Amino acid sequence: MEKDKLPVLFIGHGSPMNAMLDNQFTRAMARLGEGLPKPRAILCVSAHWLTEGELLLSGAAEFETIYDFRGFPEELYRITYAPPPARTAADRTAALFRPAPLITGRGLDHGAWTVLRMLYPGADVPVCQLSVDYPAAGKYHYDLGRRLARLRGEGVLIIGSGNIVHNLELMDRDIAAPPEDWNLAFDLKVKEYIDGGRRAELAAYEDMPGGNLAVPTADHYWPFLVALGAGGEDKASYPYEGYQHASLSMRAIQFG
């Protein structure tokens, strides 16, 4: 990796409950955060901010913690995470596009704050968030990541937060349920493509064996493609490899 160029992360965030649990995944994320440099700013792309036909950015105002989920313990709704808004990084990100995305005062959804809280618990790194243009194709999101990659040399840590495998209809209520065979197979195939120099092919997940079962809706896969594109050809490492609820891949990837 070039000197002073920050890595790129993709984090499989799974259930919001991970924000209050002590398990192998949360401990791995804490270790990852301890070894990361402290960036000037973080640009997060989360599966839980979906737009249609446009991109939006947050970072214009102080963040509120968004609890975009229902039916969880009250303790979870008392967790807050409010880092400083990264307006400068948001402006720089917007300048990469024509037309430039609108920069809003939106808060941080759980795909962003649950992950950021594990990596930077002090909430002392400025953050901006980029929406996901949900109807756009896989190649669009991969190319979007490639465009964002230049921010890495400007002190911005790019984080994609979603899940490579995310099938809620087939989810087991037990968070520790072992992975279904199709979950394991698709997740390992993605890793094989990453390490084998076939990264661009991952944009067409529906053409891969088991792709439509592993990715029944693409919302959680798109942030992975953005991170994949931003990572370029940098070597990938895997701070966490595991599964939850039988039908979720919790794989975390660091590029560079």
C-alpha atoms as a PDB file:
ATOM      1  CA  MET A   1       0.000   0.000   0.000  1.00  0.00           C
ATOM      2  CA  GLU A   2       1.219   3.493  -0.784  1.00  0.00           C
ATOM      3  CA  LYS A   3       2.661   5.443   2.104  1.00  0.00           C
ATOM      4  CA  ASP A   4       0.031   7.489   3.954  1.00  0.00           C
ATOM      5  CA  LYS A   5      -2.830   5.832   2.054  1.00  0.00           C
ATOM      6  CA  LEU A   6      -5.420   4.580   4.493  1.00  0.00           C
ATOM      7  CA  PRO A   7      -6.909   1.091   4.257  1.00  0.00           C
ATOM      8  CA  VAL A   8     -10.515   0.370   3.310  1.00  0.00           C
ATOM      9  CA  LEU A   9     -12.820  -1.728   5.475  1.00  0.00           C
ATOM     10  CA  PHE A  10     -15.911  -3.780   4.844  1.00  0.00           C
ATOM     11  CA  ILE A  11     -17.715  -4.939   7.982  1.00  0.00           C
ATOM     12  CA  GLY A  12     -20.533  -7.484   8.068  1.00  0.00           C
ATOM     13  CA  HIS A  13     -22.594  -5.817  10.800  1.00  0.00           C
ATOM     14  CA  GLY A  14     -25.401  -8.330  11.336  1.00  0.00           C
ATOM     15  CA  SER A  15     -27.997  -7.781  14.045  1.00  0.00           C
ATOM     16  CA  PRO A  16     -28.194  -4.504  16.002  1.00  0.00           C
ATOM     17  CA  MET A  17     -27.810  -6.706  19.096  1.00  0.00           C
ATOM     18  CA  ASN A  18     -24.087  -6.899  18.388  1.00  0.00           C
ATOM     19  CA  ALA A  19     -23.882  -3.348  19.757  1.00  0.00           C
ATOM     20  CA  MET A  20     -24.489  -4.678  23.266  1.00  0.00           C
ATOM     21  CA  LEU A  21     -23.040  -8.199  23.092  1.00  0.00           C
ATOM     22  CA  ASP A  22     -19.642  -9.608  23.955  1.00  0.00           C
ATOM     23  CA  ASN A  23     -18.909 -12.287  21.365  1.00  0.00           C
ATOM     24  CA  GLN A  24     -16.184 -13.336  18.935  1.00  0.00           C
ATOM     25  CA  PHE A  25     -17.312 -10.796  16.359  1.00  0.00           C
ATOM     26  CA  THR A  26     -17.419  -7.805  18.706  1.00  0.00           C
ATOM     27  CA  ARG A  27     -14.062  -8.713  20.238  1.00  0.00           C
ATOM     28  CA  ALA A  28     -12.529  -9.003  16.755  1.00  0.00           C
ATOM     29  CA  MET A  29     -13.861  -5.570  15.842  1.00  0.00           C
ATOM     30  CA  ALA A  30     -12.399  -4.065  19.018  1.00  0.00           C
ATOM     31  CA  ARG A  31      -9.003  -5.578  18.149  1.00  0.00           C
ATOM     32  CA  LEU A  32      -9.302  -4.259  14.598  1.00  0.00           C
ATOM     33  CA  GLY A  33     -10.016  -0.763  15.861  1.00  0.00           C
ATOM     34  CA  GLU A  34      -7.036  -0.840  18.204  1.00  0.00           C
ATOM     35  CA  GLY A  35      -4.730  -1.531  15.265  1.00  0.00           C
ATOM     36  CA  LEU A  36      -6.166   1.048  12.875  1.00  0.00           C
ATOM     37  CA  PRO A  37      -4.647   4.478  12.325  1.00  0.00           C
ATOM     38  CA  LYS A  38      -6.683   7.443  13.488  1.00  0.00           C
ATOM     39  CA  PRO A  39      -7.967   9.039  10.286  1.00  0.00           C
ATOM     40  CA  ARG A  40      -8.820  12.658   9.688  1.00  0.00           C
ATOM     41  CA  ALA A  41     -12.344  11.524   8.884  1.00  0.00           C
ATOM     42  CA  ILE A  42     -14.439   8.443   8.179  1.00  0.00           C
ATOM     43  CA  LEU A  43     -16.688   7.995   5.153  1.00  0.00           C
ATOM     44  CA  CYS A  44     -19.240   5.283   5.894  1.00  0.00           C
ATOM     45  CA  VAL A  45     -21.495   3.571   3.350  1.00  0.00           C
ATOM     46  CA  SER A  46     -24.257   1.669   5.145  1.00  0.00           C
ATOM     47  CA  ALA A  47     -26.912  -0.739   3.919  1.00  0.00           C
ATOM     48  CA  HIS A  48     -29.471   1.197   5.958  1.00  0.00           C
ATOM     49  CA  TRP A  49     -29.460   4.464   4.042  1.00  0.00           C
ATOM     50  CA  LEU A  50     -31.066   3.723   0.693  1.00  0.00           C
ATOM     51  CA  THR A  51     -31.912   6.328  -1.925  1.00  0.00           C
ATOM     52  CA  GLU A  52     -33.295   5.925  -5.438  1.00  0.00           C
ATOM     53  CA  GLY A  53     -31.651   7.483  -8.453  1.00  0.00           C
ATOM     54  CA  GLU A  54     -29.430   9.782  -6.422  1.00  0.00           C
ATOM     55  CA  LEU A  55     -26.707   9.923  -3.807  1.00  0.00           C
ATOM     56  CA  LEU A  56     -26.912  11.923  -0.582  1.00  0.00           C
ATOM     57  CA  LEU A  57     -24.267  12.733   2.013  1.00  0.00           C
ATOM     58  CA  SER A  58     -24.575  13.428   5.716  1.00  0.00           C
ATOM     59  CA  GLY A  59     -22.122  15.462   7.753  1.00  0.00           C
ATOM     60  CA  ALA A  60     -23.694  18.927   7.832  1.00  0.00           C
ATOM     61  CA  ALA A  61     -24.867  18.872  11.471  1.00  0.00           C
ATOM     62  CA  GLU A  62     -24.333  17.144  14.799  1.00  0.00           C
ATOM     63  CA  PHE A  63     -25.370  13.503  14.564  1.00  0.00           C
ATOM     64  CA  GLU A  64     -28.289  11.872  16.300  1.00  0.00           C
ATOM     65  CA  THR A  65     -28.295   8.114  16.846  1.00  0.00           C
ATOM     66  CA  ILE A  66     -30.978   6.552  14.629  1.00  0.00           C
ATOM     67  CA  TYR A  67     -32.685   3.436  16.027  1.00  0.00           C
ATOM     68  CA  ASP A  68     -33.985   2.054  12.746  1.00  0.00           C
ATOM     69  CA  PHE A  69     -35.170  -1.283  14.173  1.00  0.00           C
ATOM     70  CA  ARG A  70     -38.001  -2.604  16.325  1.00  0.00           C
ATOM     71  CA  GLY A  71     -38.581  -5.232  18.989  1.00  0.00           C
ATOM     72  CA  PHE A  72     -35.192  -5.186  20.696  1.00  0.00           C
ATOM     73  CA  PRO A  73     -34.347  -4.755  24.403  1.00  0.00           C
ATOM     74  CA  GLU A  74     -34.757  -1.249  25.808  1.00  0.00           C
ATOM     75  CA  GLU A  75     -31.064  -1.199  26.701  1.00  0.00           C
ATOM     76  CA  LEU A  76     -30.203  -1.102  23.007  1.00  0.00           C
ATOM     77  CA  TYR A  77     -32.221   2.091  22.497  1.00  0.00           C
ATOM     78  CA  ARG A  78     -30.241   3.827  25.237  1.00  0.00           C
ATOM     79  CA  ILE A  79     -26.924   3.444  23.400  1.00  0.00           C
ATOM     80  CA  THR A  80     -25.788   6.645  21.743  1.00  0.00           C
ATOM     81  CA  TYR A  81     -22.929   7.395  19.363  1.00  0.00           C
ATOM     82  CA  ALA A  82     -22.390  10.981  18.267  1.00  0.00           C
ATOM     83  CA  PRO A  83     -19.060  11.685  16.537  1.00  0.00           C
ATOM     84  CA  PRO A  84     -18.309  15.123  15.081  1.00  0.00           C
ATOM     85  CA  PRO A  85     -19.713  15.692  11.582  1.00  0.00           C
ATOM     86  CA  ALA A  86     -17.030  15.630   8.889  1.00  0.00           C
ATOM     87  CA  ARG A  87     -18.263  18.506   6.747  1.00  0.00           C
ATOM     88  CA  THR A  88     -14.889  18.972   5.059  1.00  0.00           C
ATOM     89  CA  ALA A  89     -14.737  15.301   4.043  1.00  0.00           C
ATOM     90  CA  ALA A  90     -18.366  15.462   2.918  1.00  0.00           C
ATOM     91  CA  ASP A  91     -17.578  18.475   0.727  1.00  0.00           C
ATOM     92  CA  ARG A  92     -14.548  16.698  -0.741  1.00  0.00           C
ATOM     93  CA  THR A  93     -16.618  13.580  -1.419  1.00  0.00           C
ATOM     94  CA  ALA A  94     -19.384  15.594  -3.070  1.00  0.00           C
ATOM     95  CA  ALA A  95     -16.817  17.236  -5.347  1.00  0.00           C
ATOM     96  CA  LEU A  96     -16.031  13.848  -6.893  1.00  0.00           C
ATOM     97  CA  PHE A  97     -19.485  13.732  -8.508  1.00  0.00           C
ATOM     98  CA  ARG A  98     -21.441  15.657 -11.115  1.00  0.00           C
ATOM     99  CA  PRO A  99     -23.983  16.640 -10.053  1.00  0.00           C
ATOM    100  CA  ALA A 100     -22.666  16.899  -6.500  1.00  0.00           C
ATOM    101  CA  PRO A 101     -24.774  15.078  -3.878  1.00  0.00           C
ATOM    102  CA  LEU A 102     -26.734  17.183  -1.421  1.00  0.00           C
ATOM    103  CA  ILE A 103     -25.156  17.234   2.056  1.00  0.00           C
ATOM    104  CA  THR A 104     -27.788  16.785   4.764  1.00  0.00           C
ATOM    105  CA  GLY A 105     -28.032  16.775   8.545  1.00  0.00           C
ATOM    106  CA  ARG A 106     -29.190  13.151   8.725  1.00  0.00           C
ATOM    107  CA  GLY A 107     -28.129  11.104  11.770  1.00  0.00           C
ATOM    108  CA  LEU A 108     -26.262   7.794  11.807  1.00  0.00           C
ATOM    109  CA  ASP A 109     -28.279   4.620  11.165  1.00  0.00           C
ATOM    110  CA  HIS A 110     -27.443   1.390  12.956  1.00  0.00           C
ATOM    111  CA  GLY A 111     -25.415   0.064  10.038  1.00  0.00           C
ATOM    112  CA  ALA A 112     -23.050   2.955  10.685  1.00  0.00           C
ATOM    113  CA  TRP A 113     -23.079   3.592  14.443  1.00  0.00           C
ATOM    114  CA  THR A 114     -22.958  -0.017  15.649  1.00  0.00           C
ATOM    115  CA  VAL A 115     -19.792  -0.595  13.604  1.00  0.00           C
ATOM    116  CA  LEU A 116     -18.153   2.757  14.327  1.00  0.00           C
ATOM    117  CA  ARG A 117     -18.770   2.325  18.042  1.00  0.00           C
ATOM    118  CA  MET A 118     -16.764  -0.917  18.031  1.00  0.00           C
ATOM    119  CA  LEU A 119     -13.883   0.519  15.999  1.00  0.00           C
ATOM    120  CA  TYR A 120     -13.654   4.010  17.520  1.00  0.00           C
ATOM    121  CA  PRO A 121     -15.506   3.861  20.842  1.00  0.00           C
ATOM    122  CA  GLY A 122     -14.409   7.363  21.809  1.00  0.00           C
ATOM    123  CA  ALA A 123     -16.540   8.856  18.987  1.00  0.00           C
ATOM    124  CA  ASP A 124     -13.690  11.296  18.415  1.00  0.00           C
ATOM    125  CA  VAL A 125     -13.211  10.867  14.640  1.00  0.00           C
ATOM    126  CA  PRO A 126     -15.337  13.073  12.346  1.00  0.00           C
ATOM    127  CA  VAL A 127     -17.786  11.066  10.240  1.00  0.00           C
ATOM    128  CA  CYS A 128     -19.771  11.550   7.075  1.00  0.00           C
ATOM    129  CA  GLN A 129     -22.054   9.010   5.471  1.00  0.00           C
ATOM    130  CA  LEU A 130     -22.867   8.334   1.819  1.00  0.00           C
ATOM    131  CA  SER A 131     -26.184   6.833   0.820  1.00  0.00           C
ATOM    132  CA  VAL A 132     -26.654   3.758  -1.356  1.00  0.00           C
ATOM    133  CA  ASP A 133     -28.426   4.266  -4.687  1.00  0.00           C
ATOM    134  CA  TYR A 134     -30.395   1.062  -4.276  1.00  0.00           C
ATOM    135  CA  PRO A 135     -31.773   0.503  -7.828  1.00  0.00           C
ATOM    136  CA  ALA A 136     -28.352   1.015  -9.443  1.00  0.00           C
ATOM    137  CA  ALA A 137     -26.482  -2.030 -10.752  1.00  0.00           C
ATOM    138  CA  GLY A 138     -23.613  -3.835  -9.100  1.00  0.00           C
ATOM    139  CA  LYS A 139     -21.035  -2.396 -11.476  1.00  0.00           C
ATOM    140  CA  TYR A 140     -22.199   1.096 -10.543  1.00  0.00           C
ATOM    141  CA  HIS A 141     -21.392   0.475  -6.879  1.00  0.00           C
ATOM    142  CA  TYR A 142     -18.047  -1.125  -7.674  1.00  0.00           C
ATOM    143  CA  ASP A 143     -17.111   1.824  -9.895  1.00  0.00           C
ATOM    144  CA  LEU A 144     -18.369   4.216  -7.228  1.00  0.00           C
ATOM    145  CA  GLY A 145     -15.862   2.717  -4.819  1.00  0.00           C
ATOM    146  CA  ARG A 146     -13.075   3.151  -7.357  1.00  0.00           C
ATOM    147  CA  ARG A 147     -13.981   6.834  -7.620  1.00  0.00           C
ATOM    148  CA  LEU A 148     -13.959   7.251  -3.835  1.00  0.00           C
ATOM    149  CA  ALA A 149     -10.544   5.578  -3.547  1.00  0.00           C
ATOM    150  CA  ARG A 150      -8.683   8.857  -4.007  1.00  0.00           C
ATOM    151  CA  LEU A 151      -9.950   9.947  -0.572  1.00  0.00           C
ATOM    152  CA  ARG A 152      -7.701   7.319   1.005  1.00  0.00           C
ATOM    153  CA  GLY A 153      -4.680   9.493   0.336  1.00  0.00           C
ATOM    154  CA  GLU A 154      -6.401  12.460   1.999  1.00  0.00           C
ATOM    155  CA  GLY A 155      -6.747  10.916   5.440  1.00  0.00           C
ATOM    156  CA  VAL A 156     -10.252   9.488   4.947  1.00  0.00           C
ATOM    157  CA  LEU A 157     -11.023   5.953   6.096  1.00  0.00           C
ATOM    158  CA  ILE A 158     -13.689   4.376   3.859  1.00  0.00           C
ATOM    159  CA  ILE A 159     -15.937   1.821   5.575  1.00  0.00           C
ATOM    160  CA  GLY A 160     -18.641  -0.247   3.919  1.00  0.00           C
ATOM    161  CA  SER A 161     -21.173  -1.773   6.327  1.00  0.00           C
ATOM    162  CA  GLY A 162     -23.562  -4.503   5.209  1.00  0.00           C
ATOM    163  CA  ASN A 163     -23.328  -8.294   4.857  1.00  0.00           C
ATOM    164  CA  ILE A 164     -22.037 -10.404   1.978  1.00  0.00           C
ATOM    165  CA  VAL A 165     -24.738 -12.979   2.759  1.00  0.00           C
ATOM    166  CA  HIS A 166     -27.971 -11.552   4.177  1.00  0.00           C
ATOM    167  CA  ASN A 167     -31.145 -13.616   3.925  1.00  0.00           C
ATOM    168  CA  LEU A 168     -33.573 -12.641   6.689  1.00  0.00           C
ATOM    169  CA  GLU A 169     -36.354 -14.942   5.490  1.00  0.00           C
ATOM    170  CA  LEU A 170     -34.182 -17.966   6.277  1.00  0.00           C
ATOM    171  CA  MET A 171     -32.730 -16.544   9.486  1.00  0.00           C
ATOM    172  CA  ASP A 172     -32.547 -18.667  12.642  1.00  0.00           C
ATOM    173  CA  ARG A 173     -33.460 -16.777  15.814  1.00  0.00           C
ATOM    174  CA  ASP A 174     -30.398 -18.230  17.532  1.00  0.00           C
ATOM    175  CA  ILE A 175     -27.495 -15.870  16.827  1.00  0.00           C
ATOM    176  CA  ALA A 176     -25.051 -18.779  17.275  1.00  0.00           C
ATOM    177  CA  ALA A 177     -26.823 -21.103  14.818  1.00  0.00           C
ATOM    178  CA  PRO A 178     -24.256 -22.645  12.433  1.00  0.00           C
ATOM    179  CA  PRO A 179     -24.252 -21.374   8.861  1.00  0.00           C
ATOM    180  CA  GLU A 180     -26.391 -23.026   6.235  1.00  0.00           C
ATOM    181  CA  ASP A 181     -24.340 -24.790   3.556  1.00  0.00           C
ATOM    182  CA  TRP A 182     -25.367 -22.267   0.898  1.00  0.00           C
ATOM    183  CA  ASN A 183     -24.303 -19.378   3.160  1.00  0.00           C
ATOM    184  CA  LEU A 184     -20.889 -20.896   3.732  1.00  0.00           C
ATOM    185  CA  ALA A 185     -20.429 -21.767   0.056  1.00  0.00           C
ATOM    186  CA  PHE A 186     -21.241 -18.287  -1.253  1.00  0.00           C
ATOM    187  CA  ASP A 187     -19.228 -16.484   1.395  1.00  0.00           C
ATOM    188  CA  LEU A 188     -16.145 -18.616   0.691  1.00  0.00           C
ATOM    189  CA  LYS A 189     -16.618 -18.191  -3.065  1.00  0.00           C
ATOM    190  CA  VAL A 190     -16.537 -14.416  -2.612  1.00  0.00           C
ATOM    191  CA  LYS A 191     -13.296 -14.750  -0.661  1.00  0.00           C
ATOM    192  CA  GLU A 192     -11.886 -16.961  -3.432  1.00  0.00           C
ATOM    193  CA  TYR A 193     -12.706 -14.319  -6.054  1.00  0.00           C
ATOM    194  CA  ILE A 194     -11.150 -11.543  -3.961  1.00  0.00           C
ATOM    195  CA  ASP A 195      -7.909 -13.430  -3.398  1.00  0.00           C
ATOM    196  CA  GLY A 196      -7.841 -14.799  -6.934  1.00  0.00           C
ATOM    197  CA  GLY A 197      -7.901 -11.474  -8.752  1.00  0.00           C
ATOM    198  CA  ARG A 198     -11.522 -11.759  -9.882  1.00  0.00           C
ATOM    199  CA  ARG A 199     -12.877  -8.814  -7.942  1.00  0.00           C
ATOM    200  CA  ALA A 200     -14.729  -7.065 -10.756  1.00  0.00           C
ATOM    201  CA  GLU A 201     -16.740 -10.255 -11.367  1.00  0.00           C
ATOM    202  CA  LEU A 202     -18.292  -9.937  -7.903  1.00  0.00           C
ATOM    203  CA  ALA A 203     -20.407  -7.031  -9.148  1.00  0.00           C
ATOM    204  CA  ALA A 204     -22.610  -9.618 -10.897  1.00  0.00           C
ATOM    205  CA  TYR A 205     -23.435 -11.651  -7.783  1.00  0.00           C
ATOM    206  CA  GLU A 206     -26.578 -13.022  -9.449  1.00  0.00           C
ATOM    207  CA  ASP A 207     -24.376 -14.883 -11.951  1.00  0.00           C
ATOM    208  CA  MET A 208     -22.511 -16.687  -9.166  1.00  0.00           C
ATOM    209  CA  PRO A 209     -23.669 -20.088  -7.848  1.00  0.00           C
ATOM    210  CA  GLY A 210     -26.168 -19.491  -5.053  1.00  0.00           C
ATOM    211  CA  GLY A 211     -26.088 -15.732  -5.555  1.00  0.00           C
ATOM    212  CA  ASN A 212     -29.830 -15.178  -5.537  1.00  0.00           C
ATOM    213  CA  LEU A 213     -30.221 -17.164  -2.317  1.00  0.00           C
ATOM    214  CA  ALA A 214     -27.316 -15.479  -0.555  1.00  0.00           C
ATOM    215  CA  VAL A 215     -28.317 -12.001  -1.816  1.00  0.00           C
ATOM    216  CA  PRO A 216     -32.120 -11.996  -2.180  1.00  0.00           C
ATOM    217  CA  THR A 217     -32.032  -8.203  -1.983  1.00  0.00           C
ATOM    218  CA  ALA A 218     -28.881  -6.258  -2.742  1.00  0.00           C
ATOM    219  CA  ASP A 219     -29.060  -3.577  -0.033  1.00  0.00           C
ATOM    220  CA  HIS A 220     -26.467  -5.263   2.213  1.00  0.00           C
ATOM    221  CA  TYR A 221     -24.265  -6.334  -0.710  1.00  0.00           C
ATOM    222  CA  TRP A 222     -23.864  -2.901  -2.298  1.00  0.00           C
ATOM    223  CA  PRO A 223     -21.677  -1.467   0.530  1.00  0.00           C
ATOM    224  CA  PHE A 224     -19.374  -4.465   0.039  1.00  0.00           C
ATOM    225  CA  LEU A 225     -18.965  -3.594  -3.648  1.00  0.00           C
ATOM    226  CA  VAL A 226     -18.211   0.034  -2.795  1.00  0.00           C
ATOM    227  CA  ALA A 227     -15.487  -1.074  -0.367  1.00  0.00           C
ATOM    228  CA  LEU A 228     -14.217  -3.616  -2.900  1.00  0.00           C
ATOM    229  CA  GLY A 229     -13.874  -0.933  -5.562  1.00  0.00           C
ATOM    230  CA  ALA A 230     -12.197   1.503  -3.171  1.00  0.00           C
ATOM    231  CA  GLY A 231      -9.740  -1.207  -2.150  1.00  0.00           C
ATOM    232  CA  GLY A 232      -8.426  -1.468  -5.701  1.00  0.00           C
ATOM    233  CA  GLU A 233      -5.885  -4.236  -6.053  1.00  0.00           C
ATOM    234  CA  ASP A 234      -4.597  -3.921  -2.488  1.00  0.00           C
ATOM    235  CA  LYS A 235      -4.075  -7.165  -0.614  1.00  0.00           C
ATOM    236  CA  ALA A 236      -7.111  -8.270   1.378  1.00  0.00           C
ATOM    237  CA  SER A 237      -6.981  -9.562   4.942  1.00  0.00           C
ATOM    238  CA  TYR A 238      -9.854 -10.834   7.034  1.00  0.00           C
ATOM    239  CA  PRO A 239     -10.121  -9.463  10.583  1.00  0.00           C
ATOM    240  CA  TYR A 240     -13.170 -11.664  11.143  1.00  0.00           C
ATOM    241  CA  GLU A 241     -14.633 -14.679   9.362  1.00  0.00           C
ATOM    242  CA  GLY A 242     -17.820 -16.038  10.862  1.00  0.00           C
ATOM    243  CA  TYR A 243     -21.584 -16.371  10.672  1.00  0.00           C
ATOM    244  CA  GLN A 244     -24.681 -15.513  12.687  1.00  0.00           C
ATOM    245  CA  HIS A 245     -28.312 -16.590  12.639  1.00  0.00           C
ATOM    246  CA  ALA A 246     -27.488 -19.347  10.066  1.00  0.00           C
ATOM    247  CA  SER A 247     -28.125 -17.035   7.106  1.00  0.00           C
ATOM    248  CA  LEU A 248     -25.783 -14.078   7.699  1.00  0.00           C
ATOM    249  CA  SER A 249     -22.110 -13.830   6.808  1.00  0.00           C
ATOM    250  CA  MET A 250     -20.270 -11.617   9.273  1.00  0.00           C
ATOM    251  CA  ARG A 251     -17.070 -11.479   7.218  1.00  0.00           C
ATOM    252  CA  ALA A 252     -14.938  -8.383   7.739  1.00  0.00           C
ATOM    253  CA  ILE A 253     -12.364  -7.392   5.132  1.00  0.00           C
ATOM    254  CA  GLN A 254      -9.463  -4.963   5.207  1.00  0.00           C
ATOM    255  CA  PHE A 255      -7.925  -3.817   1.940  1.00  0.00           C
ATOM    256  CA  GLY A 256      -4.425  -2.466   2.374  1.00  0.00           C
END
